[in-house]
Amino acid sequence: MQTEFNHAANDSPRSGSSKYVVPAVWAVIVLAMIVVAIWFGMRV
């Protein structure tokens, strides 16, 4: 049980952070592209 807990504690922050950071970066990029597209669409 202790090994399991250790593995979970060790695995969670690193894999969790990368799992949340990468989609967040892509979401920001996609949102930025949408905002720019809307801005250009309203500007023209």
Protein backbone atom coordinates (compact mmCIF):
# COMPACT_ATOMS: atom_id res chain seq x y z
CA MET A 1 0.00 0.00 0.00
CA GLN A 2 2.84 2.39 0.80
CA THR A 3 4.46 1.68 -2.56
CA GLU A 4 1.14 2.38 -4.26
CA PHE A 5 0.73 5.65 -2.38
CA ASN A 6 4.31 6.66 -3.13
CA HIS A 7 3.87 5.90 -6.82
CA ALA A 8 0.63 7.89 -6.95
CA ALA A 9 2.14 10.84 -5.08
CA ASN A 10 5.18 10.77 -7.35
CA ASP A 11 3.23 10.29 -10.57
CA SER A 12 0.40 12.73 -9.91
CA PRO A 13 2.13 16.14 -9.86
CA ARG A 14 4.40 15.57 -12.86
CA SER A 15 2.02 13.74 -15.18
CA GLY A 16 -0.90 15.81 -13.90
CA SER A 17 0.88 19.11 -14.58
CA SER A 18 1.90 18.08 -18.11
CA LYS A 19 -1.59 16.71 -18.77
CA TYR A 20 -3.14 20.05 -17.76
CA VAL A 21 -0.48 22.40 -19.15
CA VAL A 22 -0.41 21.07 -22.73
CA PRO A 23 -4.21 21.28 -23.36
CA ALA A 24 -4.25 24.70 -21.65
CA VAL A 25 -1.56 25.96 -24.04
CA TRP A 26 -3.49 24.60 -27.04
CA ALA A 27 -6.74 26.11 -25.70
CA VAL A 28 -5.04 29.52 -25.39
CA ILE A 29 -3.66 29.25 -28.95
CA VAL A 30 -7.06 28.23 -30.36
CA LEU A 31 -8.85 30.98 -28.41
CA ALA A 32 -6.31 33.55 -29.63
CA MET A 33 -6.87 32.45 -33.24
CA ILE A 34 -10.66 32.68 -32.81
CA VAL A 35 -10.39 36.13 -31.21
CA VAL A 36 -8.13 37.36 -34.03
CA ALA A 37 -10.51 35.91 -36.64
CA ILE A 38 -13.52 37.61 -35.01
CA TRP A 39 -11.57 40.87 -34.66
CA PHE A 40 -10.63 40.82 -38.35
CA GLY A 41 -14.20 39.89 -39.27
CA MET A 42 -15.66 42.81 -37.33
CA ARG A 43 -12.95 45.21 -38.49
CA VAL A 44 -13.51 44.63 -42.21
